[in-house]
Amino acid sequence: MTTSQRPLHDLSRRDCLELLQYHSFVGRLGFVLDGRPMVLPVNYLADADAVVFCTSEGTALGAVGDGNQVVFEVDESHPLERSGWSVVVRGTASVVADPGEVEALRRGPLHSWVTRAPERWIRITIEEVTGRRLGQR
């Protein structure tokens, strides 16, 4: 077994957005709940400006609301190759309130794995996105 260094590469914004949009479908949302840090998995959709997920009121994720600062992370790893990537989004959460937009989201491809009704759609603006890749470029 060798102990050689693995190359670590910073990813461009474009590369980060591509990985976020097309190479992962479950991410982890980091937020503060009752003054304590919390991280929970969510399935999501993303475009160049935002990440959207569905939850319901009365849940820990449902406590995320307008103006909350959050982080969102997606990754992929290949332990045997000691390689992988990670993308982190920092942004502000808001409840999707426009009835037309909510209806479009309901008809779209994203469906919560848990929530039935009533749905609470949350948007995270992508204010900052960073990423790194370990191993082959």
N, C-alpha and C. Protein backbone atom coordinates (compact mmCIF):
# COMPACT_ATOMS: atom_id res chain seq x y z
N MET A 1 0.84 -1.16 0.00
CA MET A 1 0.00 0.00 0.00
C MET A 1 0.90 1.24 0.00
N THR A 2 0.58 2.21 -0.84
CA THR A 2 1.38 3.43 -0.89
C THR A 2 0.73 4.52 -0.06
N THR A 3 1.53 5.49 0.30
CA THR A 3 1.02 6.63 1.07
C THR A 3 1.11 7.91 0.26
N SER A 4 1.13 7.79 -1.06
CA SER A 4 1.27 8.97 -1.91
C SER A 4 0.05 9.88 -1.76
N GLN A 5 0.29 11.17 -1.95
CA GLN A 5 -0.77 12.16 -1.86
C GLN A 5 -1.74 12.01 -3.02
N ARG A 6 -3.03 12.18 -2.74
CA ARG A 6 -4.05 12.19 -3.79
C ARG A 6 -4.25 13.64 -4.20
N PRO A 7 -4.35 13.90 -5.50
CA PRO A 7 -4.57 15.28 -5.92
C PRO A 7 -5.95 15.79 -5.52
N LEU A 8 -6.00 16.98 -4.92
CA LEU A 8 -7.24 17.61 -4.52
C LEU A 8 -7.41 18.86 -5.38
N HIS A 9 -8.55 18.93 -6.09
CA HIS A 9 -8.79 20.02 -7.04
C HIS A 9 -10.01 20.82 -6.62
N ASP A 10 -9.87 22.14 -6.63
CA ASP A 10 -11.04 23.00 -6.46
C ASP A 10 -11.84 22.96 -7.75
N LEU A 11 -13.15 22.93 -7.63
CA LEU A 11 -14.03 22.89 -8.80
C LEU A 11 -14.52 24.29 -9.14
N SER A 12 -14.72 24.53 -10.42
CA SER A 12 -15.28 25.81 -10.87
C SER A 12 -16.76 25.86 -10.51
N ARG A 13 -17.33 27.06 -10.54
CA ARG A 13 -18.77 27.20 -10.29
C ARG A 13 -19.55 26.35 -11.29
N ARG A 14 -19.14 26.37 -12.54
CA ARG A 14 -19.83 25.59 -13.58
C ARG A 14 -19.80 24.10 -13.25
N ASP A 15 -18.63 23.59 -12.87
CA ASP A 15 -18.52 22.17 -12.51
C ASP A 15 -19.38 21.84 -11.29
N CYS A 16 -19.37 22.73 -10.30
CA CYS A 16 -20.19 22.51 -9.09
C CYS A 16 -21.67 22.43 -9.45
N LEU A 17 -22.13 23.35 -10.28
CA LEU A 17 -23.54 23.36 -10.66
C LEU A 17 -23.91 22.13 -11.46
N GLU A 18 -23.01 21.66 -12.33
CA GLU A 18 -23.29 20.44 -13.09
C GLU A 18 -23.43 19.24 -12.17
N LEU A 19 -22.52 19.10 -11.21
CA LEU A 19 -22.61 17.99 -10.26
C LEU A 19 -23.89 18.10 -9.43
N LEU A 20 -24.21 19.29 -8.98
CA LEU A 20 -25.41 19.51 -8.17
C LEU A 20 -26.68 19.18 -8.96
N GLN A 21 -26.73 19.58 -10.23
CA GLN A 21 -27.94 19.40 -11.03
C GLN A 21 -28.10 18.01 -11.61
N TYR A 22 -27.02 17.36 -11.98
CA TYR A 22 -27.14 16.14 -12.79
C TYR A 22 -26.51 14.88 -12.20
N HIS A 23 -25.77 15.00 -11.10
CA HIS A 23 -25.03 13.84 -10.61
C HIS A 23 -25.37 13.44 -9.19
N SER A 24 -26.37 14.06 -8.63
CA SER A 24 -26.80 13.70 -7.28
C SER A 24 -28.28 14.04 -7.15
N PHE A 25 -28.98 13.29 -6.35
CA PHE A 25 -30.41 13.54 -6.19
C PHE A 25 -30.81 13.59 -4.73
N VAL A 26 -29.87 13.27 -3.85
CA VAL A 26 -30.08 13.39 -2.42
C VAL A 26 -28.92 14.19 -1.85
N GLY A 27 -29.26 15.20 -1.06
CA GLY A 27 -28.25 16.03 -0.43
C GLY A 27 -28.53 16.14 1.06
N ARG A 28 -27.66 16.87 1.73
CA ARG A 28 -27.81 17.07 3.17
C ARG A 28 -27.97 18.56 3.43
N LEU A 29 -29.03 18.91 4.16
CA LEU A 29 -29.31 20.29 4.50
C LEU A 29 -28.84 20.55 5.91
N GLY A 30 -28.00 21.57 6.07
CA GLY A 30 -27.53 21.99 7.38
C GLY A 30 -28.22 23.29 7.78
N PHE A 31 -28.77 23.31 8.98
CA PHE A 31 -29.48 24.50 9.46
C PHE A 31 -29.46 24.49 10.98
N VAL A 32 -29.95 25.56 11.58
CA VAL A 32 -30.02 25.66 13.03
C VAL A 32 -31.46 25.46 13.46
N LEU A 33 -31.67 24.56 14.41
CA LEU A 33 -33.00 24.27 14.95
C LEU A 33 -32.93 24.39 16.47
N ASP A 34 -33.73 25.29 17.01
CA ASP A 34 -33.74 25.52 18.45
C ASP A 34 -32.34 25.82 18.99
N GLY A 35 -31.57 26.61 18.22
CA GLY A 35 -30.25 27.03 18.66
C GLY A 35 -29.16 25.99 18.50
N ARG A 36 -29.47 24.85 17.87
CA ARG A 36 -28.48 23.78 17.72
C ARG A 36 -28.34 23.40 16.25
N PRO A 37 -27.13 23.05 15.81
CA PRO A 37 -26.95 22.65 14.42
C PRO A 37 -27.64 21.32 14.12
N MET A 38 -28.18 21.22 12.90
CA MET A 38 -28.90 20.02 12.46
C MET A 38 -28.52 19.75 11.01
N VAL A 39 -28.37 18.50 10.64
CA VAL A 39 -28.13 18.10 9.26
C VAL A 39 -29.07 16.96 8.94
N LEU A 40 -29.87 17.13 7.86
CA LEU A 40 -30.82 16.09 7.47
C LEU A 40 -30.76 15.86 5.96
N PRO A 41 -30.98 14.63 5.52
CA PRO A 41 -30.99 14.35 4.08
C PRO A 41 -32.31 14.76 3.45
N VAL A 42 -32.23 15.22 2.20
CA VAL A 42 -33.43 15.54 1.42
C VAL A 42 -33.18 15.18 -0.04
N ASN A 43 -34.25 14.77 -0.73
CA ASN A 43 -34.14 14.67 -2.18
C ASN A 43 -34.53 16.05 -2.72
N TYR A 44 -33.98 16.43 -3.86
CA TYR A 44 -34.06 17.81 -4.30
C TYR A 44 -33.97 17.94 -5.81
N LEU A 45 -34.24 19.15 -6.28
CA LEU A 45 -33.96 19.58 -7.64
C LEU A 45 -33.13 20.85 -7.55
N ALA A 46 -32.32 21.10 -8.57
CA ALA A 46 -31.51 22.32 -8.58
C ALA A 46 -31.43 22.87 -9.99
N ASP A 47 -31.28 24.19 -10.06
CA ASP A 47 -30.93 24.84 -11.31
C ASP A 47 -29.75 25.75 -11.01
N ALA A 48 -29.44 26.70 -11.87
CA ALA A 48 -28.27 27.53 -11.68
C ALA A 48 -28.43 28.53 -10.53
N ASP A 49 -29.66 28.74 -10.07
CA ASP A 49 -29.92 29.76 -9.06
C ASP A 49 -30.39 29.24 -7.71
N ALA A 50 -30.94 28.03 -7.68
CA ALA A 50 -31.58 27.58 -6.44
C ALA A 50 -31.66 26.07 -6.34
N VAL A 51 -31.83 25.61 -5.11
CA VAL A 51 -32.13 24.23 -4.77
C VAL A 51 -33.54 24.22 -4.19
N VAL A 52 -34.37 23.26 -4.57
CA VAL A 52 -35.74 23.17 -4.08
C VAL A 52 -35.98 21.77 -3.51
N PHE A 53 -36.67 21.73 -2.37
CA PHE A 53 -37.08 20.44 -1.81
C PHE A 53 -38.45 20.59 -1.18
N CYS A 54 -39.07 19.45 -0.89
CA CYS A 54 -40.42 19.42 -0.33
C CYS A 54 -40.39 18.76 1.04
N THR A 55 -41.12 19.35 1.96
CA THR A 55 -41.25 18.78 3.30
C THR A 55 -42.66 19.07 3.78
N SER A 56 -42.90 18.98 5.05
CA SER A 56 -44.21 19.36 5.59
C SER A 56 -44.01 20.11 6.90
N GLU A 57 -45.00 20.90 7.26
CA GLU A 57 -44.94 21.64 8.51
C GLU A 57 -44.99 20.67 9.68
N GLY A 58 -44.40 21.09 10.78
CA GLY A 58 -44.38 20.25 11.97
C GLY A 58 -43.21 19.31 12.03
N THR A 59 -42.37 19.30 10.98
CA THR A 59 -41.17 18.46 10.97
C THR A 59 -39.96 19.36 11.19
N ALA A 60 -38.81 18.75 11.45
CA ALA A 60 -37.58 19.53 11.60
C ALA A 60 -37.30 20.32 10.32
N LEU A 61 -37.45 19.68 9.16
CA LEU A 61 -37.24 20.40 7.89
C LEU A 61 -38.29 21.47 7.67
N GLY A 62 -39.49 21.24 8.17
CA GLY A 62 -40.55 22.22 8.04
C GLY A 62 -40.28 23.48 8.83
N ALA A 63 -39.36 23.41 9.80
CA ALA A 63 -38.99 24.59 10.58
C ALA A 63 -38.10 25.54 9.79
N VAL A 64 -37.52 25.06 8.69
CA VAL A 64 -36.71 25.93 7.84
C VAL A 64 -37.67 26.87 7.13
N GLY A 65 -37.44 28.16 7.30
CA GLY A 65 -38.39 29.11 6.71
C GLY A 65 -37.71 30.31 6.10
N ASP A 66 -38.51 31.31 5.85
CA ASP A 66 -38.04 32.52 5.19
C ASP A 66 -36.89 33.17 5.95
N GLY A 67 -35.81 33.37 5.23
CA GLY A 67 -34.67 34.10 5.76
C GLY A 67 -33.64 33.27 6.50
N ASN A 68 -33.89 31.98 6.71
CA ASN A 68 -32.90 31.15 7.39
C ASN A 68 -31.66 30.96 6.52
N GLN A 69 -30.49 31.17 7.09
CA GLN A 69 -29.24 30.88 6.41
C GLN A 69 -28.98 29.38 6.56
N VAL A 70 -28.69 28.71 5.43
CA VAL A 70 -28.51 27.26 5.43
C VAL A 70 -27.30 26.89 4.59
N VAL A 71 -26.87 25.64 4.73
CA VAL A 71 -25.89 25.04 3.83
C VAL A 71 -26.50 23.77 3.28
N PHE A 72 -26.11 23.43 2.07
CA PHE A 72 -26.61 22.23 1.40
C PHE A 72 -25.41 21.55 0.77
N GLU A 73 -25.29 20.24 0.98
CA GLU A 73 -24.11 19.52 0.50
C GLU A 73 -24.51 18.27 -0.24
N VAL A 74 -23.82 18.00 -1.35
CA VAL A 74 -23.94 16.75 -2.09
C VAL A 74 -22.54 16.22 -2.33
N ASP A 75 -22.43 14.90 -2.49
CA ASP A 75 -21.12 14.32 -2.73
C ASP A 75 -21.25 12.95 -3.35
N GLU A 76 -20.13 12.46 -3.76
CA GLU A 76 -20.01 11.08 -4.26
C GLU A 76 -18.63 10.60 -3.86
N SER A 77 -18.54 9.35 -3.41
CA SER A 77 -17.22 8.83 -3.04
C SER A 77 -17.02 7.45 -3.63
N HIS A 78 -15.76 7.15 -3.86
CA HIS A 78 -15.32 5.84 -4.35
C HIS A 78 -14.21 5.37 -3.41
N PRO A 79 -14.58 4.74 -2.30
CA PRO A 79 -13.60 4.40 -1.27
C PRO A 79 -12.43 3.54 -1.76
N LEU A 80 -12.69 2.58 -2.62
CA LEU A 80 -11.59 1.72 -3.09
C LEU A 80 -10.59 2.48 -3.93
N GLU A 81 -11.06 3.50 -4.63
CA GLU A 81 -10.17 4.34 -5.45
C GLU A 81 -9.65 5.53 -4.67
N ARG A 82 -10.18 5.74 -3.47
CA ARG A 82 -9.87 6.91 -2.66
C ARG A 82 -10.07 8.18 -3.46
N SER A 83 -11.26 8.28 -4.06
CA SER A 83 -11.58 9.44 -4.87
C SER A 83 -13.04 9.83 -4.65
N GLY A 84 -13.37 11.01 -5.09
CA GLY A 84 -14.74 11.48 -4.98
C GLY A 84 -14.81 12.99 -5.14
N TRP A 85 -15.98 13.52 -4.88
CA TRP A 85 -16.18 14.96 -4.97
C TRP A 85 -17.21 15.41 -3.95
N SER A 86 -17.21 16.70 -3.67
CA SER A 86 -18.16 17.29 -2.75
C SER A 86 -18.48 18.70 -3.22
N VAL A 87 -19.76 19.08 -3.14
CA VAL A 87 -20.22 20.43 -3.50
C VAL A 87 -21.01 20.97 -2.32
N VAL A 88 -20.72 22.21 -1.93
CA VAL A 88 -21.41 22.87 -0.82
C VAL A 88 -22.03 24.16 -1.33
N VAL A 89 -23.33 24.33 -1.03
CA VAL A 89 -24.07 25.55 -1.36
C VAL A 89 -24.34 26.28 -0.06
N ARG A 90 -24.10 27.57 -0.05
CA ARG A 90 -24.52 28.42 1.06
C ARG A 90 -25.58 29.36 0.52
N GLY A 91 -26.68 29.50 1.27
CA GLY A 91 -27.73 30.36 0.77
C GLY A 91 -28.79 30.64 1.81
N THR A 92 -29.84 31.27 1.34
CA THR A 92 -30.97 31.66 2.18
C THR A 92 -32.20 30.86 1.78
N ALA A 93 -32.87 30.30 2.77
CA ALA A 93 -34.07 29.51 2.52
C ALA A 93 -35.29 30.42 2.49
N SER A 94 -36.26 30.05 1.68
CA SER A 94 -37.55 30.73 1.66
C SER A 94 -38.63 29.73 1.29
N VAL A 95 -39.82 29.96 1.80
CA VAL A 95 -40.95 29.11 1.49
C VAL A 95 -41.50 29.54 0.13
N VAL A 96 -41.72 28.58 -0.76
CA VAL A 96 -42.32 28.88 -2.06
C VAL A 96 -43.81 29.11 -1.80
N ALA A 97 -44.25 30.36 -2.03
CA ALA A 97 -45.62 30.73 -1.68
C ALA A 97 -46.51 30.99 -2.89
N ASP A 98 -45.93 31.25 -4.04
CA ASP A 98 -46.72 31.53 -5.23
C ASP A 98 -47.51 30.29 -5.63
N PRO A 99 -48.85 30.37 -5.68
CA PRO A 99 -49.66 29.18 -5.99
C PRO A 99 -49.33 28.55 -7.34
N GLY A 100 -49.04 29.35 -8.33
CA GLY A 100 -48.69 28.81 -9.64
C GLY A 100 -47.38 28.05 -9.62
N GLU A 101 -46.41 28.58 -8.89
CA GLU A 101 -45.12 27.91 -8.78
C GLU A 101 -45.25 26.62 -7.97
N VAL A 102 -46.04 26.66 -6.91
CA VAL A 102 -46.26 25.44 -6.11
C VAL A 102 -46.92 24.37 -6.97
N GLU A 103 -47.90 24.75 -7.76
CA GLU A 103 -48.57 23.78 -8.64
C GLU A 103 -47.60 23.20 -9.66
N ALA A 104 -46.74 24.04 -10.23
CA ALA A 104 -45.74 23.55 -11.18
C ALA A 104 -44.79 22.57 -10.50
N LEU A 105 -44.37 22.87 -9.27
CA LEU A 105 -43.50 21.95 -8.54
C LEU A 105 -44.21 20.63 -8.26
N ARG A 106 -45.48 20.69 -7.90
CA ARG A 106 -46.24 19.46 -7.63
C ARG A 106 -46.33 18.57 -8.86
N ARG A 107 -46.42 19.17 -10.03
CA ARG A 107 -46.52 18.40 -11.28
C ARG A 107 -45.17 17.95 -11.81
N GLY A 108 -44.10 18.51 -11.27
CA GLY A 108 -42.76 18.22 -11.75
C GLY A 108 -42.23 16.88 -11.28
N PRO A 109 -40.96 16.62 -11.56
CA PRO A 109 -40.36 15.32 -11.26
C PRO A 109 -40.00 15.09 -9.80
N LEU A 110 -39.98 16.16 -8.99
CA LEU A 110 -39.57 16.00 -7.60
C LEU A 110 -40.76 15.62 -6.73
N HIS A 111 -40.63 14.51 -6.05
CA HIS A 111 -41.66 14.07 -5.12
C HIS A 111 -40.97 13.63 -3.84
N SER A 112 -41.44 14.18 -2.73
CA SER A 112 -40.87 13.83 -1.45
C SER A 112 -41.00 12.33 -1.22
N TRP A 113 -40.01 11.73 -0.63
CA TRP A 113 -40.06 10.31 -0.32
C TRP A 113 -40.90 10.04 0.92
N VAL A 114 -41.20 11.10 1.68
CA VAL A 114 -41.91 10.93 2.94
C VAL A 114 -43.22 11.71 2.96
N THR A 115 -43.17 12.97 2.60
CA THR A 115 -44.30 13.88 2.75
C THR A 115 -45.47 13.50 1.87
N ARG A 116 -46.63 13.52 2.42
CA ARG A 116 -47.85 13.35 1.64
C ARG A 116 -48.54 14.70 1.52
N ALA A 117 -49.13 15.20 2.57
CA ALA A 117 -49.79 16.50 2.53
C ALA A 117 -49.94 16.97 3.97
N PRO A 118 -49.97 18.23 4.24
CA PRO A 118 -49.76 19.33 3.30
C PRO A 118 -48.28 19.54 3.01
N GLU A 119 -48.00 19.83 1.79
CA GLU A 119 -46.61 20.04 1.36
C GLU A 119 -46.14 21.44 1.72
N ARG A 120 -44.86 21.55 1.96
CA ARG A 120 -44.19 22.83 2.20
C ARG A 120 -42.94 22.82 1.34
N TRP A 121 -42.95 23.62 0.28
CA TRP A 121 -41.83 23.67 -0.65
C TRP A 121 -40.86 24.75 -0.18
N ILE A 122 -39.58 24.40 -0.14
CA ILE A 122 -38.54 25.31 0.32
C ILE A 122 -37.53 25.52 -0.82
N ARG A 123 -37.18 26.79 -1.03
CA ARG A 123 -36.16 27.16 -2.02
C ARG A 123 -34.94 27.69 -1.28
N ILE A 124 -33.79 27.26 -1.71
CA ILE A 124 -32.53 27.77 -1.18
C ILE A 124 -31.83 28.51 -2.32
N THR A 125 -31.64 29.80 -2.17
CA THR A 125 -30.92 30.54 -3.20
C THR A 125 -29.44 30.14 -3.14
N ILE A 126 -28.85 30.00 -4.29
CA ILE A 126 -27.43 29.65 -4.35
C ILE A 126 -26.64 30.96 -4.32
N GLU A 127 -26.23 31.35 -3.13
CA GLU A 127 -25.46 32.58 -2.96
C GLU A 127 -23.97 32.31 -3.11
N GLU A 128 -23.57 31.12 -2.72
CA GLU A 128 -22.17 30.70 -2.86
C GLU A 128 -22.16 29.20 -3.10
N VAL A 129 -21.35 28.76 -4.05
CA VAL A 129 -21.20 27.32 -4.29
C VAL A 129 -19.72 27.03 -4.47
N THR A 130 -19.24 26.02 -3.74
CA THR A 130 -17.86 25.63 -3.83
C THR A 130 -17.81 24.10 -3.92
N GLY A 131 -16.71 23.61 -4.44
CA GLY A 131 -16.57 22.17 -4.53
C GLY A 131 -15.14 21.74 -4.67
N ARG A 132 -14.91 20.47 -4.37
CA ARG A 132 -13.58 19.88 -4.50
C ARG A 132 -13.72 18.47 -5.03
N ARG A 133 -12.71 18.06 -5.76
CA ARG A 133 -12.63 16.69 -6.27
C ARG A 133 -11.31 16.11 -5.80
N LEU A 134 -11.37 14.89 -5.27
CA LEU A 134 -10.20 14.18 -4.82
C LEU A 134 -9.94 13.05 -5.80
N GLY A 135 -8.69 12.94 -6.24
CA GLY A 135 -8.34 11.88 -7.17
C GLY A 135 -8.31 12.38 -8.60
N GLN A 136 -8.68 11.52 -9.51
CA GLN A 136 -8.62 11.85 -10.93
C GLN A 136 -9.54 13.03 -11.26
N ARG A 137 -9.10 13.84 -12.18
CA ARG A 137 -9.87 15.03 -12.60
C ARG A 137 -10.97 14.68 -13.50
